[in-house]
């Protein structure tokens, strides 16, 4: 099939899938169903809408737990130069980029990363979500992306632009009626299409997709309860021995004054509302939200004296889910390093192997640092020093720390030699 026709087919598919991803975006940003529902009461009654954004909270918890602390890189062959290149070229953008990439995958179930050479001639990556990008796989066992299409608009410009990455080139189009007008074409300088997909899980589902209905119910119960209080809907005003027209009753309601004839009585008929039942129901839905997402509520159940190990045990389900997310993210990072090695070869004629790099994730939870330090000290001489240092929670670049330690030791040895000579003189 002609590539332009294929691009148009992908754009049609992008249009078909956009409602699903738009819904996920709305719930993450707080635009919940209850806020846009048609009012079910007349204008004289309160119709307050409240929402609780557990969707956003779920995403923040997953991302913060997995990436709240920076990634650390180590070399299997102790290749200091390779680690220095990673630190130098990734240092300015990688941490924020990783967080944005993971947020997108948590919200939409998948996200896309594009490698490119920026205006300064350096390697960099960008994040796109499935609302704006769609991809075509090559059908291989590795499921590589062979074609990626991005649709977007520029500020103060009504035109629609289409970016395309294929196996060799980057192409920019402008949408024109039912066709495309090519504006630019240039080689991207990588061995294959420089786009990769980060899956949130094996089903490519959003982190909060399974709790949207529960959140809707939770929002509705709270809103209904609030309106009953505001409108005194928990009671009815009964008036005896008085003839009132609908208009007169409405007037008294608006003015907050009762004008009754002699002998008439007014009193409240209070609803028999089981407040405990409502409270228990809200707690049940809230607990179900945490159960469905594999998280724990540390706000309502604070554990100020809980050790890092005890907290990790309580968070076992969250840890199990995060282990899967880590594996999928590590695969994306390895692919990023592969393209980075290609760029280093092109730019500096330096050959590095991305498989030489180990990537370490550190969970963002309280840790017993004293126990870790003791374990590191006890394993000296058994486990390589760089590996031991990578276990320390405050260290993000173990290789650099090892080099600094060696420099300090060399400096101390020179000072000792100088002191010995002075004593001899």
Protein backbone atom coordinates (compact mmCIF):
# COMPACT_ATOMS: atom_id res chain seq x y z
CA UNK A 1 0.00 0.00 0.00
CA UNK A 2 1.18 3.54 -0.78
CA UNK A 3 2.59 5.14 2.40
CA UNK A 4 0.39 8.23 2.14
CA UNK A 5 -2.74 6.05 1.97
CA UNK A 6 -1.45 4.08 4.96
CA UNK A 7 -0.97 7.33 6.89
CA UNK A 8 -4.55 8.38 6.13
CA UNK A 9 -5.84 4.97 7.33
CA UNK A 10 -3.91 5.40 10.57
CA UNK A 11 -5.39 8.89 11.00
CA UNK A 12 -8.88 7.41 10.59
CA UNK A 13 -8.06 4.85 13.28
CA UNK A 14 -6.73 7.63 15.53
CA UNK A 15 -10.07 9.41 15.20
CA UNK A 16 -11.96 6.24 16.16
CA UNK A 17 -9.91 5.63 19.32
CA UNK A 18 -9.80 9.25 20.50
CA UNK A 19 -13.13 9.20 22.47
CA UNK A 20 -11.81 6.47 24.78
CA UNK A 21 -8.57 8.32 25.49
CA UNK A 22 -10.38 11.67 25.80
CA UNK A 23 -12.52 10.13 28.57
CA UNK A 24 -9.41 8.95 30.43
CA UNK A 25 -7.83 12.39 30.07
CA UNK A 26 -10.97 14.07 31.43
CA UNK A 27 -11.12 11.85 34.51
CA UNK A 28 -7.42 12.38 35.22
CA UNK A 29 -7.82 16.16 34.94
CA UNK A 30 -10.95 16.22 37.13
CA UNK A 31 -13.63 16.61 34.45
CA UNK A 32 -15.83 13.86 35.85
CA UNK A 33 -19.21 12.73 34.54
CA UNK A 34 -21.13 14.27 37.44
CA UNK A 35 -19.97 17.78 36.51
CA UNK A 36 -21.55 17.65 33.04
CA UNK A 37 -24.71 15.65 33.77
CA UNK A 38 -28.06 17.31 33.10
CA UNK A 39 -29.71 18.58 36.27
CA UNK A 40 -32.39 16.25 37.67
CA UNK A 41 -33.98 18.85 39.99
CA UNK A 42 -35.87 22.10 39.43
CA UNK A 43 -34.09 25.45 39.58
CA UNK A 44 -35.34 26.21 43.08
CA UNK A 45 -33.36 23.36 44.61
CA UNK A 46 -29.65 23.07 45.26
CA UNK A 47 -27.68 21.15 42.65
CA UNK A 48 -24.11 21.21 43.87
CA UNK A 49 -21.72 18.77 42.21
CA UNK A 50 -18.66 17.52 44.07
CA UNK A 51 -16.00 15.15 42.82
CA UNK A 52 -13.07 13.29 44.33
CA UNK A 53 -10.18 12.79 41.93
CA UNK A 54 -9.00 9.33 42.90
CA UNK A 55 -8.03 8.83 39.26
CA UNK A 56 -5.29 11.45 39.48
CA UNK A 57 -4.32 10.25 42.96
CA UNK A 58 -3.87 6.71 41.66
CA UNK A 59 -1.57 7.90 38.87
CA UNK A 60 0.48 10.07 41.23
CA UNK A 61 0.92 7.20 43.69
CA UNK A 62 2.13 4.75 41.05
CA UNK A 63 4.51 7.22 39.40
CA UNK A 64 5.84 8.56 42.70
CA UNK A 65 6.42 5.06 44.06
CA UNK A 66 8.30 3.89 40.96
CA UNK A 67 10.14 7.07 39.89
CA UNK A 68 10.12 9.32 42.95
CA UNK A 69 13.84 8.62 43.23
CA UNK A 70 16.11 8.91 40.17
CA UNK A 71 17.20 5.87 38.19
CA UNK A 72 20.79 4.75 38.57
CA UNK A 73 22.98 3.24 35.87
CA UNK A 74 25.91 0.87 36.31
CA UNK A 75 28.19 -0.89 33.85
CA UNK A 76 28.70 -4.65 33.85
CA UNK A 77 32.21 -4.16 32.44
CA UNK A 78 33.00 -1.09 34.56
CA UNK A 79 32.94 1.13 31.45
CA UNK A 80 33.35 4.57 33.06
CA UNK A 81 33.32 6.43 29.75
CA UNK A 82 29.92 5.04 28.77
CA UNK A 83 28.43 5.99 32.14
CA UNK A 84 29.88 9.49 31.82
CA UNK A 85 28.28 9.88 28.39
CA UNK A 86 24.89 8.81 29.77
CA UNK A 87 25.18 11.17 32.72
CA UNK A 88 26.29 14.10 30.53
CA UNK A 89 23.67 13.81 27.79
CA UNK A 90 20.75 12.54 29.92
CA UNK A 91 21.32 14.66 33.01
CA UNK A 92 19.45 17.78 31.88
CA UNK A 93 16.20 16.19 30.77
CA UNK A 94 15.86 12.54 31.70
CA UNK A 95 14.29 12.70 35.18
CA UNK A 96 11.39 14.97 34.22
CA UNK A 97 11.01 13.17 30.90
CA UNK A 98 10.74 9.76 32.60
CA UNK A 99 8.04 11.05 34.94
CA UNK A 100 6.04 12.57 32.07
CA UNK A 101 6.38 9.36 30.07
CA UNK A 102 5.18 7.22 32.98
CA UNK A 103 2.29 9.57 33.76
CA UNK A 104 1.12 9.30 30.15
CA UNK A 105 1.28 5.49 30.24
CA UNK A 106 -0.60 5.39 33.56
CA UNK A 107 -3.36 7.67 32.26
CA UNK A 108 -3.83 6.14 28.81
CA UNK A 109 -2.48 2.62 29.29
CA UNK A 110 0.27 3.33 26.77
CA UNK A 111 2.58 6.16 25.77
CA UNK A 112 5.09 6.78 23.00
CA UNK A 113 8.68 7.97 23.15
CA UNK A 114 10.47 9.42 20.13
CA UNK A 115 14.26 9.73 19.91
CA UNK A 116 15.55 12.69 17.94
CA UNK A 117 18.59 14.91 17.48
CA UNK A 118 17.81 18.37 18.84
CA UNK A 119 18.82 21.78 17.44
CA UNK A 120 22.12 21.58 19.32
CA UNK A 121 22.95 18.28 17.63
CA UNK A 122 22.44 16.25 20.79
CA UNK A 123 20.40 13.13 21.52
CA UNK A 124 17.05 13.72 23.19
CA UNK A 125 13.58 12.16 23.54
CA UNK A 126 9.99 13.41 23.47
CA UNK A 127 6.74 12.02 24.91
CA UNK A 128 3.45 11.64 23.03
CA UNK A 129 0.15 10.11 24.08
CA UNK A 130 -2.35 8.02 22.05
CA UNK A 131 -4.66 11.03 21.69
CA UNK A 132 -2.18 12.51 19.22
CA UNK A 133 -0.08 9.55 18.01
CA UNK A 134 -0.80 6.17 16.47
CA UNK A 135 1.71 3.54 15.35
CA UNK A 136 2.05 0.57 13.01
CA UNK A 137 4.02 -2.51 14.09
CA UNK A 138 6.33 -4.43 11.76
CA UNK A 139 4.88 -7.85 12.63
CA UNK A 140 8.21 -9.20 13.89
CA UNK A 141 8.65 -11.17 17.10
CA UNK A 142 10.10 -8.04 18.69
CA UNK A 143 7.00 -6.03 17.70
CA UNK A 144 9.04 -3.02 16.62
CA UNK A 145 7.24 0.08 15.38
CA UNK A 146 7.75 0.60 11.64
CA UNK A 147 5.62 3.72 11.20
CA UNK A 148 4.45 6.40 13.65
CA UNK A 149 1.99 9.18 12.86
CA UNK A 150 1.32 12.24 15.00
CA UNK A 151 -1.52 14.71 14.42
CA UNK A 152 -1.35 18.15 16.03
CA UNK A 153 -2.16 21.84 15.70
CA UNK A 154 0.00 24.88 16.38
CA UNK A 155 -1.06 27.80 18.52
CA UNK A 156 -2.98 30.51 16.61
CA UNK A 157 -2.95 28.30 13.49
CA UNK A 158 -6.10 26.59 12.21
CA UNK A 159 -4.14 24.17 10.02
CA UNK A 160 -3.60 20.54 11.03
CA UNK A 161 -0.08 19.13 10.79
CA UNK A 162 1.00 15.52 10.53
CA UNK A 163 4.41 14.25 11.65
CA UNK A 164 5.56 10.87 10.38
CA UNK A 165 8.50 8.69 11.35
CA UNK A 166 9.25 5.65 9.20
CA UNK A 167 12.25 3.32 8.96
CA UNK A 168 14.45 6.00 7.39
CA UNK A 169 12.91 9.46 7.43
CA UNK A 170 11.07 12.11 9.36
CA UNK A 171 8.31 13.65 7.21
CA UNK A 172 6.12 16.67 7.94
CA UNK A 173 2.75 17.04 6.22
CA UNK A 174 -0.05 19.56 6.27
CA UNK A 175 -3.61 18.29 6.06
CA UNK A 176 -5.42 19.47 2.94
CA UNK A 177 -9.00 18.30 2.43
CA UNK A 178 -8.91 14.52 2.15
CA UNK A 179 -5.18 14.43 1.37
CA UNK A 180 -1.76 15.52 2.61
CA UNK A 181 0.73 18.13 1.41
CA UNK A 182 4.38 17.34 2.18
CA UNK A 183 6.25 20.22 3.82
CA UNK A 184 9.53 18.61 4.85
CA UNK A 185 11.47 15.36 4.58
CA UNK A 186 14.79 14.52 6.20
CA UNK A 187 16.56 11.36 7.41
CA UNK A 188 16.30 10.77 11.15
CA UNK A 189 19.73 9.06 11.10
CA UNK A 190 18.69 6.00 13.13
CA UNK A 191 18.71 2.36 11.98
CA UNK A 192 14.92 2.01 12.26
CA UNK A 193 11.83 3.99 13.24
CA UNK A 194 12.91 5.84 16.43
CA UNK A 195 9.56 5.45 18.18
CA UNK A 196 8.81 2.99 20.98
CA UNK A 197 5.77 2.23 23.07
CA UNK A 198 5.67 2.12 26.85
CA UNK A 199 2.88 -0.18 28.00
CA UNK A 200 1.38 0.35 31.43
CA UNK A 201 0.56 -3.36 31.76
CA UNK A 202 -0.03 -6.41 29.60
CA UNK A 203 -3.54 -5.20 28.67
CA UNK A 204 -2.42 -1.61 27.99
CA UNK A 205 -5.08 -0.41 30.42
CA UNK A 206 -5.11 2.86 32.32
CA UNK A 207 -4.21 2.71 36.00
CA UNK A 208 -7.70 3.94 36.91
CA UNK A 209 -9.83 2.47 34.12
CA UNK A 210 -11.36 -0.14 36.43
CA UNK A 211 -12.45 2.38 39.09
CA UNK A 212 -14.17 5.02 36.94
CA UNK A 213 -17.65 3.62 37.69
CA UNK A 214 -16.84 3.40 41.40
CA UNK A 215 -15.63 7.01 41.41
CA UNK A 216 -18.89 8.06 39.71
CA UNK A 217 -20.93 6.37 42.45
CA UNK A 218 -18.75 7.91 45.17
CA UNK A 219 -19.15 11.38 43.66
CA UNK A 220 -22.92 10.93 43.31
CA UNK A 221 -23.46 9.85 46.94
CA UNK A 222 -21.47 12.80 48.26
CA UNK A 223 -23.26 15.26 45.97
CA UNK A 224 -26.70 13.96 46.93
CA UNK A 225 -25.87 14.16 50.63
CA UNK A 226 -24.57 17.72 50.27
CA UNK A 227 -27.70 18.86 48.43
CA UNK A 228 -29.99 17.30 51.04
CA UNK A 229 -28.24 19.36 53.72
CA UNK A 230 -28.29 22.57 51.66
CA UNK A 231 -31.98 22.20 50.76
CA UNK A 232 -33.09 20.72 54.07
CA UNK A 233 -34.16 17.74 52.00
CA UNK A 234 -33.79 15.61 55.09
CA UNK A 235 -37.08 17.15 56.30
CA UNK A 236 -40.40 18.44 54.96
CA UNK A 237 -42.22 21.49 56.32
CA UNK A 238 -45.80 20.55 57.16
CA UNK A 239 -48.46 23.28 57.43
CA UNK A 240 -51.88 22.55 58.92
CA UNK A 241 -55.10 24.54 58.73
CA UNK A 242 -53.84 26.98 56.11
CA UNK A 243 -54.65 27.33 52.44
CA UNK A 244 -51.55 28.14 50.37
CA UNK A 245 -51.16 28.46 46.65
CA UNK A 246 -48.02 27.16 45.00
CA UNK A 247 -46.95 30.73 44.28
CA UNK A 248 -47.47 31.82 47.90
CA UNK A 249 -45.51 28.84 49.21
CA UNK A 250 -42.65 29.62 46.84
CA UNK A 251 -42.67 33.28 47.96
CA UNK A 252 -42.43 32.30 51.62
CA UNK A 253 -39.62 29.88 50.82
CA UNK A 254 -37.62 32.55 48.99
CA UNK A 255 -38.15 35.17 51.74
CA UNK A 256 -37.62 32.74 54.59
CA UNK A 257 -40.80 33.99 56.33
CA UNK A 258 -44.00 32.12 57.21
CA UNK A 259 -47.29 34.07 57.29
CA UNK A 260 -49.97 31.77 58.63
CA UNK A 261 -53.58 32.40 59.64
CA UNK A 262 -54.66 32.14 63.27
CA UNK A 263 -54.84 28.54 64.44
CA UNK A 264 -52.53 27.20 61.74
CA UNK A 265 -49.54 25.07 62.67
CA UNK A 266 -46.15 24.52 61.00
CA UNK A 267 -43.70 21.80 61.93
CA UNK A 268 -40.93 19.64 60.41
CA UNK A 269 -41.40 16.06 59.33
CA UNK A 270 -37.86 14.72 59.52
CA UNK A 271 -36.67 11.90 57.32
CA UNK A 272 -35.42 8.83 59.10
CA UNK A 273 -31.98 8.75 57.48
CA UNK A 274 -29.55 6.12 58.65
CA UNK A 275 -26.37 8.25 58.74
CA UNK A 276 -24.30 5.24 59.74
CA UNK A 277 -25.46 3.37 56.64
CA UNK A 278 -24.42 6.26 54.34
CA UNK A 279 -21.07 6.59 56.10
CA UNK A 280 -20.41 2.86 55.87
CA UNK A 281 -21.39 2.82 52.19
CA UNK A 282 -18.98 5.66 51.39
CA UNK A 283 -16.20 3.89 53.26
CA UNK A 284 -16.96 0.67 51.39
CA UNK A 285 -16.66 2.40 47.99
CA UNK A 286 -13.51 4.21 49.05
CA UNK A 287 -11.91 0.97 50.26
CA UNK A 288 -12.90 -0.68 46.98
CA UNK A 289 -11.08 2.06 45.04
CA UNK A 290 -7.85 1.27 46.89
CA UNK A 291 -8.44 -2.48 46.51
CA UNK A 292 -9.01 -2.28 42.76
CA UNK A 293 -5.88 -0.17 42.23
CA UNK A 294 -3.68 -2.24 44.55
CA UNK A 295 -2.86 0.72 46.77
CA UNK A 296 -3.23 1.49 50.48
CA UNK A 297 -4.75 4.53 52.19
CA UNK A 298 -1.98 6.07 54.27
CA UNK A 299 -3.96 9.27 54.91
CA UNK A 300 -6.84 7.71 56.86
CA UNK A 301 -4.53 5.06 58.33
CA UNK A 302 -1.29 6.89 59.17
CA UNK A 303 1.60 4.74 60.30
CA UNK A 304 4.02 7.24 61.83
CA UNK A 305 6.02 4.59 63.66
CA UNK A 306 5.99 2.00 60.91
CA UNK A 307 9.42 0.88 59.73
CA UNK A 308 10.34 0.74 56.06
CA UNK A 309 10.17 -3.06 56.10
CA UNK A 310 6.73 -3.16 57.75
CA UNK A 311 5.43 -0.58 55.29
CA UNK A 312 6.75 -2.62 52.37
CA UNK A 313 4.86 -5.66 53.67
CA UNK A 314 1.61 -3.68 53.76
CA UNK A 315 2.32 -2.46 50.24
CA UNK A 316 2.99 -5.94 48.84
CA UNK A 317 0.24 -5.77 46.22
CA UNK A 318 1.42 -2.34 45.09
CA UNK A 319 4.94 -3.76 44.90
CA UNK A 320 3.78 -6.70 42.77
CA UNK A 321 2.07 -4.36 40.29
CA UNK A 322 5.06 -2.01 40.29
CA UNK A 323 7.43 -4.88 39.53
CA UNK A 324 5.53 -5.49 36.28
CA UNK A 325 5.55 -1.77 35.47
CA UNK A 326 9.29 -1.64 36.16
CA UNK A 327 9.97 -4.53 33.79
CA UNK A 328 8.03 -2.83 30.97
CA UNK A 329 9.69 0.51 31.65
CA UNK A 330 13.16 -1.04 31.73
CA UNK A 331 12.56 -2.50 28.27
CA UNK A 332 11.75 0.99 26.97
CA UNK A 333 14.85 2.42 28.65
CA UNK A 334 17.05 -0.27 27.08
CA UNK A 335 15.64 0.60 23.67
CA UNK A 336 16.38 4.26 24.37
CA UNK A 337 19.98 3.37 25.21
CA UNK A 338 20.24 1.40 21.98
CA UNK A 339 19.34 4.49 19.94
CA UNK A 340 21.68 6.57 22.12
CA UNK A 341 24.54 4.21 21.24
CA UNK A 342 23.73 4.66 17.55
CA UNK A 343 23.92 8.43 17.97
CA UNK A 344 27.26 8.21 19.83
CA UNK A 345 28.64 6.12 16.98
CA UNK A 346 27.48 8.65 14.38
CA UNK A 347 28.49 11.77 16.30
CA UNK A 348 31.81 10.69 17.84
CA UNK A 349 32.67 7.36 16.20
CA UNK A 350 32.47 5.70 19.62
CA UNK A 351 31.08 2.19 19.95
CA UNK A 352 29.21 1.20 23.11
CA UNK A 353 26.91 -1.72 23.84
CA UNK A 354 23.59 -0.80 25.47
CA UNK A 355 23.45 -4.32 26.96
CA UNK A 356 26.41 -3.42 29.15
CA UNK A 357 24.22 -1.14 31.27
CA UNK A 358 22.28 -2.20 34.35
CA UNK A 359 19.34 0.03 35.29
CA UNK A 360 18.32 0.19 38.95
CA UNK A 361 14.98 1.47 40.29
CA UNK A 362 14.68 2.61 43.90
CA UNK A 363 11.23 2.56 45.47
CA UNK A 364 10.15 5.84 47.00
CA UNK A 365 9.32 4.55 50.48
CA UNK A 366 10.92 5.08 53.89
CA UNK A 367 13.93 2.81 54.26
CA UNK A 368 16.02 1.68 57.19
CA UNK A 369 19.25 3.33 56.04
CA UNK A 370 21.21 2.10 59.06
CA UNK A 371 20.43 -1.53 58.20
CA UNK A 372 21.41 -0.98 54.56
CA UNK A 373 24.71 0.63 55.57
CA UNK A 374 25.45 -2.29 57.91
CA UNK A 375 24.70 -4.80 55.14
CA UNK A 376 26.92 -2.89 52.69
CA UNK A 377 29.75 -2.82 55.22
CA UNK A 378 29.42 -6.55 55.95
CA UNK A 379 29.57 -7.43 52.23
CA UNK A 380 32.74 -5.48 51.48
CA UNK A 381 35.24 -7.76 49.81
CA UNK A 382 32.47 -10.15 48.74
CA UNK A 383 30.43 -7.90 46.40
CA UNK A 384 32.05 -5.26 44.11
CA UNK A 385 32.16 -1.80 45.70
CA UNK A 386 30.22 -0.12 42.90
CA UNK A 387 27.40 -2.62 43.28
CA UNK A 388 27.31 -2.07 47.06
CA UNK A 389 27.24 1.70 46.68
CA UNK A 390 24.30 1.42 44.25
CA UNK A 391 22.25 -0.06 47.11
CA UNK A 392 22.51 3.16 49.13
CA UNK A 393 19.24 5.11 48.69
CA UNK A 394 20.86 8.55 48.36
CA UNK A 395 23.27 7.55 45.58
CA UNK A 396 22.15 8.02 41.95
CA UNK A 397 25.54 7.62 40.22
CA UNK A 398 27.56 4.84 41.91
CA UNK A 399 30.38 5.01 39.35
CA UNK A 400 31.04 8.69 40.05
CA UNK A 401 31.08 8.03 43.81
CA UNK A 402 33.65 5.23 43.38
CA UNK A 403 35.87 7.59 41.36
CA UNK A 404 35.62 10.30 44.02
CA UNK A 405 36.53 7.81 46.74
CA UNK A 406 39.61 6.73 44.78
CA UNK A 407 40.65 10.35 44.28
CA UNK A 408 40.27 11.06 47.99
CA UNK A 409 42.27 7.96 48.90
CA UNK A 410 45.03 8.87 46.43
CA UNK A 411 45.14 12.40 47.83
CA UNK A 412 45.35 11.09 51.40
CA UNK A 413 48.19 8.72 50.45
CA UNK A 414 50.16 11.60 48.88
CA UNK A 415 49.65 13.68 52.02
CA UNK A 416 50.93 10.82 54.18
CA UNK A 417 54.02 10.44 51.97
CA UNK A 418 54.68 14.18 52.27
CA UNK A 419 54.37 14.07 56.06
CA UNK A 420 56.77 11.09 56.27
CA UNK A 421 59.39 12.96 54.20
CA UNK A 422 59.08 16.04 56.39
CA UNK A 423 59.62 13.94 59.50
CA UNK A 424 62.74 12.35 57.98
CA UNK A 425 64.18 15.75 57.08
